[in-house]
């Protein structure tokens, strides 16, 4: 399985280009993190890949097939999107929230197979004990697991996540990223995720894509991309970059 992003250019107005000629590929079992300062287009790029936003130019190629013009429901059978964590939640049970992930596959009403599949996702995510709880009663980490479970219910080949560790404590940040990394391998998913924390990106990513000034600044393994020179170019801060426990570690300097 491969997903190729080809020459994506997007702007919210003719005078405001956010992304310019963005191209890269992701394979199954591959975990790619998007990095860069606020306002560099990470969320915009994720939405262009998922066709929530329509770029001015560029194509999305899945297994050699151009899906750029597909209907959103058909794209949702391939690509699942987990948006940034939000406090604004409707009242519904966990099982109903996860069941919404089946909508791209539903003809009329949920079938027995749809329900059985959702039950299997709840078990896989170890959230069946919450099945009939209101999602507003759950912690931030638990809600994030439910958002991921809903994405898995789509049976996607690619899952894209926008800052999945935002507003979570250290323990839950690690837990959620470990979960995503595990699903990437066991479910043979391609993962594209925006992430501000370079240390976490180095721990979990196969590749990191850095954005700067509307374009790709660097793309490759964490060892190649996370360097003191790249960080000062991207973020304008001085750091000490070392190898700790087998992965790059970034420490800010005054």
C-alpha atoms as a PDB file:
ATOM      1  CA  UNK A   1       0.000   0.000   0.000  1.00  0.00           C
ATOM      2  CA  UNK A   2       1.262   3.491  -0.785  1.00  0.00           C
ATOM      3  CA  UNK A   3      -0.183   6.986  -0.577  1.00  0.00           C
ATOM      4  CA  UNK A   4       1.546   9.639  -2.649  1.00  0.00           C
ATOM      5  CA  UNK A   5       0.977  13.345  -2.121  1.00  0.00           C
ATOM      6  CA  UNK A   6       1.908  15.054  -5.376  1.00  0.00           C
ATOM      7  CA  UNK A   7       2.647  18.777  -5.806  1.00  0.00           C
ATOM      8  CA  UNK A   8       0.033  20.067  -3.339  1.00  0.00           C
ATOM      9  CA  UNK A   9      -0.346  23.841  -3.344  1.00  0.00           C
ATOM     10  CA  UNK A  10      -2.972  25.529  -1.188  1.00  0.00           C
ATOM     11  CA  UNK A  11      -3.860  29.067  -0.150  1.00  0.00           C
ATOM     12  CA  UNK A  12      -6.797  30.542   1.707  1.00  0.00           C
ATOM     13  CA  UNK A  13      -6.670  33.471  -0.716  1.00  0.00           C
ATOM     14  CA  UNK A  14      -4.641  34.358  -3.837  1.00  0.00           C
ATOM     15  CA  UNK A  15      -2.286  36.399  -1.658  1.00  0.00           C
ATOM     16  CA  UNK A  16      -1.981  33.841   1.170  1.00  0.00           C
ATOM     17  CA  UNK A  17      -0.187  30.695   0.034  1.00  0.00           C
ATOM     18  CA  UNK A  18       0.083  28.226   2.919  1.00  0.00           C
ATOM     19  CA  UNK A  19       1.512  25.189   1.095  1.00  0.00           C
ATOM     20  CA  UNK A  20       3.569  25.204  -2.082  1.00  0.00           C
ATOM     21  CA  UNK A  21       4.445  22.158  -4.189  1.00  0.00           C
ATOM     22  CA  UNK A  22       4.335  19.611  -1.342  1.00  0.00           C
ATOM     23  CA  UNK A  23       5.210  16.052  -2.396  1.00  0.00           C
ATOM     24  CA  UNK A  24       6.002  12.945  -0.359  1.00  0.00           C
ATOM     25  CA  UNK A  25       4.942   9.309  -0.005  1.00  0.00           C
ATOM     26  CA  UNK A  26       3.931   7.068   2.894  1.00  0.00           C
ATOM     27  CA  UNK A  27       3.776   3.262   2.923  1.00  0.00           C
ATOM     28  CA  UNK A  28       1.848   0.874   5.150  1.00  0.00           C
ATOM     29  CA  UNK A  29       3.489   0.243   8.543  1.00  0.00           C
ATOM     30  CA  UNK A  30       5.134   3.673   8.206  1.00  0.00           C
ATOM     31  CA  UNK A  31       4.779   6.456  10.793  1.00  0.00           C
ATOM     32  CA  UNK A  32       5.420   9.990   9.546  1.00  0.00           C
ATOM     33  CA  UNK A  33       5.332  13.065  11.788  1.00  0.00           C
ATOM     34  CA  UNK A  34       4.836  16.618  10.511  1.00  0.00           C
ATOM     35  CA  UNK A  35       6.853  19.239  12.382  1.00  0.00           C
ATOM     36  CA  UNK A  36       7.193  22.993  12.202  1.00  0.00           C
ATOM     37  CA  UNK A  37       6.169  26.166  14.061  1.00  0.00           C
ATOM     38  CA  UNK A  38       2.567  27.260  14.457  1.00  0.00           C
ATOM     39  CA  UNK A  39       1.130  28.574  11.226  1.00  0.00           C
ATOM     40  CA  UNK A  40       3.361  26.591   8.853  1.00  0.00           C
ATOM     41  CA  UNK A  41       0.466  24.580   7.413  1.00  0.00           C
ATOM     42  CA  UNK A  42       0.599  21.235   9.221  1.00  0.00           C
ATOM     43  CA  UNK A  43      -3.154  21.089   9.873  1.00  0.00           C
ATOM     44  CA  UNK A  44      -3.849  22.502   6.413  1.00  0.00           C
ATOM     45  CA  UNK A  45      -1.745  19.759   4.810  1.00  0.00           C
ATOM     46  CA  UNK A  46      -3.574  17.036   6.734  1.00  0.00           C
ATOM     47  CA  UNK A  47      -6.909  18.456   5.602  1.00  0.00           C
ATOM     48  CA  UNK A  48      -5.727  18.617   1.994  1.00  0.00           C
ATOM     49  CA  UNK A  49      -4.696  14.955   2.134  1.00  0.00           C
ATOM     50  CA  UNK A  50      -8.122  14.042   3.499  1.00  0.00           C
ATOM     51  CA  UNK A  51      -9.827  16.337   0.965  1.00  0.00           C
ATOM     52  CA  UNK A  52     -11.511  18.398   3.679  1.00  0.00           C
ATOM     53  CA  UNK A  53      -9.746  21.247   1.893  1.00  0.00           C
ATOM     54  CA  UNK A  54      -9.322  21.325  -1.871  1.00  0.00           C
ATOM     55  CA  UNK A  55      -5.878  22.485  -2.965  1.00  0.00           C
ATOM     56  CA  UNK A  56      -5.357  24.747  -5.958  1.00  0.00           C
ATOM     57  CA  UNK A  57      -3.032  22.178  -7.523  1.00  0.00           C
ATOM     58  CA  UNK A  58      -1.837  18.670  -6.781  1.00  0.00           C
ATOM     59  CA  UNK A  59      -3.050  15.094  -6.592  1.00  0.00           C
ATOM     60  CA  UNK A  60      -3.508  12.340  -4.019  1.00  0.00           C
ATOM     61  CA  UNK A  61      -2.508   8.922  -5.391  1.00  0.00           C
ATOM     62  CA  UNK A  62      -3.493   5.721  -3.572  1.00  0.00           C
ATOM     63  CA  UNK A  63      -1.885   2.497  -4.854  1.00  0.00           C
ATOM     64  CA  UNK A  64      -1.294   4.171  -8.190  1.00  0.00           C
ATOM     65  CA  UNK A  65      -4.909   5.396  -8.475  1.00  0.00           C
ATOM     66  CA  UNK A  66      -5.732   9.102  -8.485  1.00  0.00           C
ATOM     67  CA  UNK A  67      -8.358   9.644  -5.752  1.00  0.00           C
ATOM     68  CA  UNK A  68      -8.214  13.448  -5.865  1.00  0.00           C
ATOM     69  CA  UNK A  69     -11.712  13.810  -7.281  1.00  0.00           C
ATOM     70  CA  UNK A  70     -13.379  11.060  -5.297  1.00  0.00           C
ATOM     71  CA  UNK A  71     -16.435  11.703  -3.130  1.00  0.00           C
ATOM     72  CA  UNK A  72     -15.659  12.231   0.560  1.00  0.00           C
ATOM     73  CA  UNK A  73     -17.486   9.035   1.529  1.00  0.00           C
ATOM     74  CA  UNK A  74     -15.252   6.968  -0.758  1.00  0.00           C
ATOM     75  CA  UNK A  75     -12.085   8.672   0.475  1.00  0.00           C
ATOM     76  CA  UNK A  76     -13.213   7.903   4.056  1.00  0.00           C
ATOM     77  CA  UNK A  77     -12.955   4.186   3.253  1.00  0.00           C
ATOM     78  CA  UNK A  78      -9.230   4.699   2.706  1.00  0.00           C
ATOM     79  CA  UNK A  79      -8.243   7.659   4.899  1.00  0.00           C
ATOM     80  CA  UNK A  80      -9.417   8.281   8.476  1.00  0.00           C
ATOM     81  CA  UNK A  81      -8.920  11.672  10.100  1.00  0.00           C
ATOM     82  CA  UNK A  82      -8.580  12.373  13.832  1.00  0.00           C
ATOM     83  CA  UNK A  83      -8.815  16.151  14.372  1.00  0.00           C
ATOM     84  CA  UNK A  84      -7.281  18.112  17.221  1.00  0.00           C
ATOM     85  CA  UNK A  85      -8.664  17.331  20.663  1.00  0.00           C
ATOM     86  CA  UNK A  86     -11.707  19.453  21.432  1.00  0.00           C
ATOM     87  CA  UNK A  87     -13.572  20.128  24.648  1.00  0.00           C
ATOM     88  CA  UNK A  88     -16.776  20.756  22.669  1.00  0.00           C
ATOM     89  CA  UNK A  89     -18.426  17.343  22.631  1.00  0.00           C
ATOM     90  CA  UNK A  90     -21.995  16.258  22.073  1.00  0.00           C
ATOM     91  CA  UNK A  91     -23.601  13.954  24.602  1.00  0.00           C
ATOM     92  CA  UNK A  92     -23.463  10.376  23.312  1.00  0.00           C
ATOM     93  CA  UNK A  93     -22.297   6.985  24.470  1.00  0.00           C
ATOM     94  CA  UNK A  94     -18.862   5.691  23.589  1.00  0.00           C
ATOM     95  CA  UNK A  95     -20.289   2.895  21.453  1.00  0.00           C
ATOM     96  CA  UNK A  96     -22.382   5.343  19.441  1.00  0.00           C
ATOM     97  CA  UNK A  97     -19.374   7.624  18.962  1.00  0.00           C
ATOM     98  CA  UNK A  98     -17.266   4.736  17.638  1.00  0.00           C
ATOM     99  CA  UNK A  99     -20.166   3.447  15.517  1.00  0.00           C
ATOM    100  CA  UNK A 100     -20.068   6.726  13.582  1.00  0.00           C
ATOM    101  CA  UNK A 101     -16.859   5.469  12.023  1.00  0.00           C
ATOM    102  CA  UNK A 102     -18.902   2.892  10.100  1.00  0.00           C
ATOM    103  CA  UNK A 103     -20.855   5.561   8.211  1.00  0.00           C
ATOM    104  CA  UNK A 104     -18.767   5.379   4.998  1.00  0.00           C
ATOM    105  CA  UNK A 105     -19.680   1.683   4.721  1.00  0.00           C
ATOM    106  CA  UNK A 106     -23.352   1.880   5.738  1.00  0.00           C
ATOM    107  CA  UNK A 107     -26.219   1.451   3.304  1.00  0.00           C
ATOM    108  CA  UNK A 108     -29.312   2.643   5.144  1.00  0.00           C
ATOM    109  CA  UNK A 109     -28.781   1.389   8.713  1.00  0.00           C
ATOM    110  CA  UNK A 110     -26.063  -0.360  10.680  1.00  0.00           C
ATOM    111  CA  UNK A 111     -25.902  -4.093  10.042  1.00  0.00           C
ATOM    112  CA  UNK A 112     -25.064  -6.892  12.449  1.00  0.00           C
ATOM    113  CA  UNK A 113     -21.601  -7.014  10.852  1.00  0.00           C
ATOM    114  CA  UNK A 114     -21.136  -3.281  11.481  1.00  0.00           C
ATOM    115  CA  UNK A 115     -21.973  -3.741  15.154  1.00  0.00           C
ATOM    116  CA  UNK A 116     -19.750  -6.796  15.487  1.00  0.00           C
ATOM    117  CA  UNK A 117     -16.866  -4.907  13.908  1.00  0.00           C
ATOM    118  CA  UNK A 118     -17.311  -1.979  16.300  1.00  0.00           C
ATOM    119  CA  UNK A 119     -17.383  -4.358  19.282  1.00  0.00           C
ATOM    120  CA  UNK A 120     -14.084  -5.830  18.055  1.00  0.00           C
ATOM    121  CA  UNK A 121     -12.582  -2.332  17.834  1.00  0.00           C
ATOM    122  CA  UNK A 122     -13.704  -1.538  21.397  1.00  0.00           C
ATOM    123  CA  UNK A 123     -11.992  -4.706  22.600  1.00  0.00           C
ATOM    124  CA  UNK A 124      -8.843  -4.020  20.599  1.00  0.00           C
ATOM    125  CA  UNK A 125      -8.640  -0.526  22.085  1.00  0.00           C
ATOM    126  CA  UNK A 126      -9.455  -1.822  25.587  1.00  0.00           C
ATOM    127  CA  UNK A 127     -12.388   0.562  25.971  1.00  0.00           C
ATOM    128  CA  UNK A 128     -15.297  -1.892  26.038  1.00  0.00           C
ATOM    129  CA  UNK A 129     -15.746  -1.104  29.737  1.00  0.00           C
ATOM    130  CA  UNK A 130     -16.685   2.447  28.682  1.00  0.00           C
ATOM    131  CA  UNK A 131     -19.078   1.332  25.938  1.00  0.00           C
ATOM    132  CA  UNK A 132     -22.228   2.790  27.497  1.00  0.00           C
ATOM    133  CA  UNK A 133     -20.652   5.765  29.267  1.00  0.00           C
ATOM    134  CA  UNK A 134     -21.235   9.310  28.045  1.00  0.00           C
ATOM    135  CA  UNK A 135     -18.043  10.498  26.348  1.00  0.00           C
ATOM    136  CA  UNK A 136     -18.274  13.818  28.230  1.00  0.00           C
ATOM    137  CA  UNK A 137     -17.659  11.913  31.485  1.00  0.00           C
ATOM    138  CA  UNK A 138     -14.292  10.584  30.312  1.00  0.00           C
ATOM    139  CA  UNK A 139     -10.780  11.950  30.702  1.00  0.00           C
ATOM    140  CA  UNK A 140      -8.846  13.588  27.879  1.00  0.00           C
ATOM    141  CA  UNK A 141      -6.752  10.474  27.305  1.00  0.00           C
ATOM    142  CA  UNK A 142      -9.833   8.257  27.212  1.00  0.00           C
ATOM    143  CA  UNK A 143     -11.570  10.578  24.756  1.00  0.00           C
ATOM    144  CA  UNK A 144      -8.544  10.495  22.491  1.00  0.00           C
ATOM    145  CA  UNK A 145      -8.635   6.694  22.483  1.00  0.00           C
ATOM    146  CA  UNK A 146     -12.294   6.861  21.469  1.00  0.00           C
ATOM    147  CA  UNK A 147     -11.470   9.254  18.618  1.00  0.00           C
ATOM    148  CA  UNK A 148      -8.843   6.792  17.394  1.00  0.00           C
ATOM    149  CA  UNK A 149     -11.292   3.900  17.794  1.00  0.00           C
ATOM    150  CA  UNK A 150     -13.837   5.750  15.650  1.00  0.00           C
ATOM    151  CA  UNK A 151     -11.154   6.194  12.981  1.00  0.00           C
ATOM    152  CA  UNK A 152     -10.319   2.471  13.131  1.00  0.00           C
ATOM    153  CA  UNK A 153     -14.007   1.650  12.690  1.00  0.00           C
ATOM    154  CA  UNK A 154     -13.677   3.108   9.182  1.00  0.00           C
ATOM    155  CA  UNK A 155     -11.273   0.255   8.319  1.00  0.00           C
ATOM    156  CA  UNK A 156      -8.856   2.755   6.769  1.00  0.00           C
ATOM    157  CA  UNK A 157      -5.521   2.113   5.099  1.00  0.00           C
ATOM    158  CA  UNK A 158      -4.222   5.512   6.209  1.00  0.00           C
ATOM    159  CA  UNK A 159      -4.889   7.344   9.462  1.00  0.00           C
ATOM    160  CA  UNK A 160      -4.001  11.011   9.839  1.00  0.00           C
ATOM    161  CA  UNK A 161      -3.969  12.690  13.233  1.00  0.00           C
ATOM    162  CA  UNK A 162      -3.713  16.373  14.116  1.00  0.00           C
ATOM    163  CA  UNK A 163      -1.809  16.886  17.377  1.00  0.00           C
ATOM    164  CA  UNK A 164      -3.213  13.758  19.067  1.00  0.00           C
ATOM    165  CA  UNK A 165      -1.274  14.481  22.275  1.00  0.00           C
ATOM    166  CA  UNK A 166      -2.420  18.087  22.629  1.00  0.00           C
ATOM    167  CA  UNK A 167      -3.798  18.902  26.112  1.00  0.00           C
ATOM    168  CA  UNK A 168      -2.717  15.515  27.479  1.00  0.00           C
ATOM    169  CA  UNK A 169      -0.398  14.938  30.429  1.00  0.00           C
ATOM    170  CA  UNK A 170       2.973  13.210  29.993  1.00  0.00           C
ATOM    171  CA  UNK A 171       1.672   9.746  30.835  1.00  0.00           C
ATOM    172  CA  UNK A 172      -1.209   9.995  28.375  1.00  0.00           C
ATOM    173  CA  UNK A 173       1.029  11.480  25.678  1.00  0.00           C
ATOM    174  CA  UNK A 174       3.245   8.410  25.855  1.00  0.00           C
ATOM    175  CA  UNK A 175       0.275   6.052  26.070  1.00  0.00           C
ATOM    176  CA  UNK A 176      -1.471   7.510  23.011  1.00  0.00           C
ATOM    177  CA  UNK A 177       1.687   7.543  20.883  1.00  0.00           C
ATOM    178  CA  UNK A 178       2.574   3.990  21.918  1.00  0.00           C
ATOM    179  CA  UNK A 179      -0.946   2.969  20.943  1.00  0.00           C
ATOM    180  CA  UNK A 180      -0.726   4.680  17.546  1.00  0.00           C
ATOM    181  CA  UNK A 181       2.709   3.179  16.850  1.00  0.00           C
ATOM    182  CA  UNK A 182       1.422  -0.284  17.784  1.00  0.00           C
ATOM    183  CA  UNK A 183      -1.652   0.079  15.533  1.00  0.00           C
ATOM    184  CA  UNK A 184       0.585   1.252  12.708  1.00  0.00           C
ATOM    185  CA  UNK A 185       2.402  -2.080  12.781  1.00  0.00           C
ATOM    186  CA  UNK A 186      -0.326  -4.539  13.824  1.00  0.00           C
ATOM    187  CA  UNK A 187      -3.031  -3.088  11.553  1.00  0.00           C
ATOM    188  CA  UNK A 188      -0.574  -2.321   8.724  1.00  0.00           C
ATOM    189  CA  UNK A 189      -1.647   1.316   8.713  1.00  0.00           C
ATOM    190  CA  UNK A 190       0.150   4.260   7.223  1.00  0.00           C
ATOM    191  CA  UNK A 191       0.202   7.057   9.824  1.00  0.00           C
ATOM    192  CA  UNK A 192       0.646  10.767   9.135  1.00  0.00           C
ATOM    193  CA  UNK A 193       0.557  12.894  12.266  1.00  0.00           C
ATOM    194  CA  UNK A 194       1.295  16.500  13.203  1.00  0.00           C
ATOM    195  CA  UNK A 195       3.330  16.765  16.386  1.00  0.00           C
ATOM    196  CA  UNK A 196       5.023  19.724  18.068  1.00  0.00           C
ATOM    197  CA  UNK A 197       7.239  17.775  20.467  1.00  0.00           C
ATOM    198  CA  UNK A 198      10.418  16.819  18.599  1.00  0.00           C
ATOM    199  CA  UNK A 199      11.496  14.418  21.335  1.00  0.00           C
ATOM    200  CA  UNK A 200       8.270  12.441  20.990  1.00  0.00           C
ATOM    201  CA  UNK A 201       8.538  12.624  17.199  1.00  0.00           C
ATOM    202  CA  UNK A 202      12.052  11.178  17.403  1.00  0.00           C
ATOM    203  CA  UNK A 203      10.889   8.355  19.685  1.00  0.00           C
ATOM    204  CA  UNK A 204       8.015   7.138  17.544  1.00  0.00           C
ATOM    205  CA  UNK A 205       8.443   8.270  13.936  1.00  0.00           C
ATOM    206  CA  UNK A 206       9.969   6.391  11.029  1.00  0.00           C
ATOM    207  CA  UNK A 207      10.290   9.719   9.205  1.00  0.00           C
ATOM    208  CA  UNK A 208       9.813  13.396  10.028  1.00  0.00           C
ATOM    209  CA  UNK A 209       8.679  16.050   7.550  1.00  0.00           C
ATOM    210  CA  UNK A 210       9.599  19.622   8.508  1.00  0.00           C
ATOM    211  CA  UNK A 211       7.672  22.528   6.963  1.00  0.00           C
ATOM    212  CA  UNK A 212       8.979  26.071   6.604  1.00  0.00           C
ATOM    213  CA  UNK A 213       7.811  29.036   4.521  1.00  0.00           C
ATOM    214  CA  UNK A 214       5.106  27.019   2.710  1.00  0.00           C
ATOM    215  CA  UNK A 215       7.533  24.283   1.566  1.00  0.00           C
ATOM    216  CA  UNK A 216       9.170  21.075   2.765  1.00  0.00           C
ATOM    217  CA  UNK A 217      12.371  22.067   4.535  1.00  0.00           C
ATOM    218  CA  UNK A 218      13.542  18.548   5.455  1.00  0.00           C
ATOM    219  CA  UNK A 219      12.191  15.012   5.131  1.00  0.00           C
ATOM    220  CA  UNK A 220      13.791  11.798   6.315  1.00  0.00           C
ATOM    221  CA  UNK A 221      14.640   9.713   9.343  1.00  0.00           C
ATOM    222  CA  UNK A 222      14.694  11.403  12.769  1.00  0.00           C
ATOM    223  CA  UNK A 223      18.482  10.965  12.878  1.00  0.00           C
ATOM    224  CA  UNK A 224      18.865  12.972   9.669  1.00  0.00           C
ATOM    225  CA  UNK A 225      16.155  15.585  10.232  1.00  0.00           C
ATOM    226  CA  UNK A 226      16.521  16.421  13.926  1.00  0.00           C
ATOM    227  CA  UNK A 227      19.732  18.409  13.956  1.00  0.00           C
ATOM    228  CA  UNK A 228      20.768  21.568  15.763  1.00  0.00           C
ATOM    229  CA  UNK A 229      21.132  23.362  12.421  1.00  0.00           C
ATOM    230  CA  UNK A 230      17.633  22.397  11.221  1.00  0.00           C
ATOM    231  CA  UNK A 231      16.036  23.383  14.510  1.00  0.00           C
ATOM    232  CA  UNK A 232      17.619  26.826  14.540  1.00  0.00           C
ATOM    233  CA  UNK A 233      16.525  27.315  10.908  1.00  0.00           C
ATOM    234  CA  UNK A 234      12.959  26.177  11.581  1.00  0.00           C
ATOM    235  CA  UNK A 235      12.284  27.475  15.093  1.00  0.00           C
ATOM    236  CA  UNK A 236      14.962  30.133  15.611  1.00  0.00           C
ATOM    237  CA  UNK A 237      16.128  28.619  18.917  1.00  0.00           C
ATOM    238  CA  UNK A 238      19.448  27.209  20.067  1.00  0.00           C
ATOM    239  CA  UNK A 239      19.437  23.594  21.221  1.00  0.00           C
ATOM    240  CA  UNK A 240      21.679  20.755  22.229  1.00  0.00           C
ATOM    241  CA  UNK A 241      20.848  17.624  20.209  1.00  0.00           C
ATOM    242  CA  UNK A 242      22.155  14.327  21.535  1.00  0.00           C
ATOM    243  CA  UNK A 243      21.467  10.623  21.101  1.00  0.00           C
ATOM    244  CA  UNK A 244      19.780   9.209  24.213  1.00  0.00           C
ATOM    245  CA  UNK A 245      18.490   5.614  24.589  1.00  0.00           C
ATOM    246  CA  UNK A 246      18.702   5.077  20.858  1.00  0.00           C
ATOM    247  CA  UNK A 247      16.902   8.199  19.602  1.00  0.00           C
ATOM    248  CA  UNK A 248      17.568  11.907  19.172  1.00  0.00           C
ATOM    249  CA  UNK A 249      16.941  14.128  22.186  1.00  0.00           C
ATOM    250  CA  UNK A 250      16.498  17.907  21.961  1.00  0.00           C
ATOM    251  CA  UNK A 251      17.318  20.192  24.888  1.00  0.00           C
ATOM    252  CA  UNK A 252      16.691  23.936  24.751  1.00  0.00           C
ATOM    253  CA  UNK A 253      19.566  26.262  25.610  1.00  0.00           C
ATOM    254  CA  UNK A 254      19.223  29.794  26.968  1.00  0.00           C
END
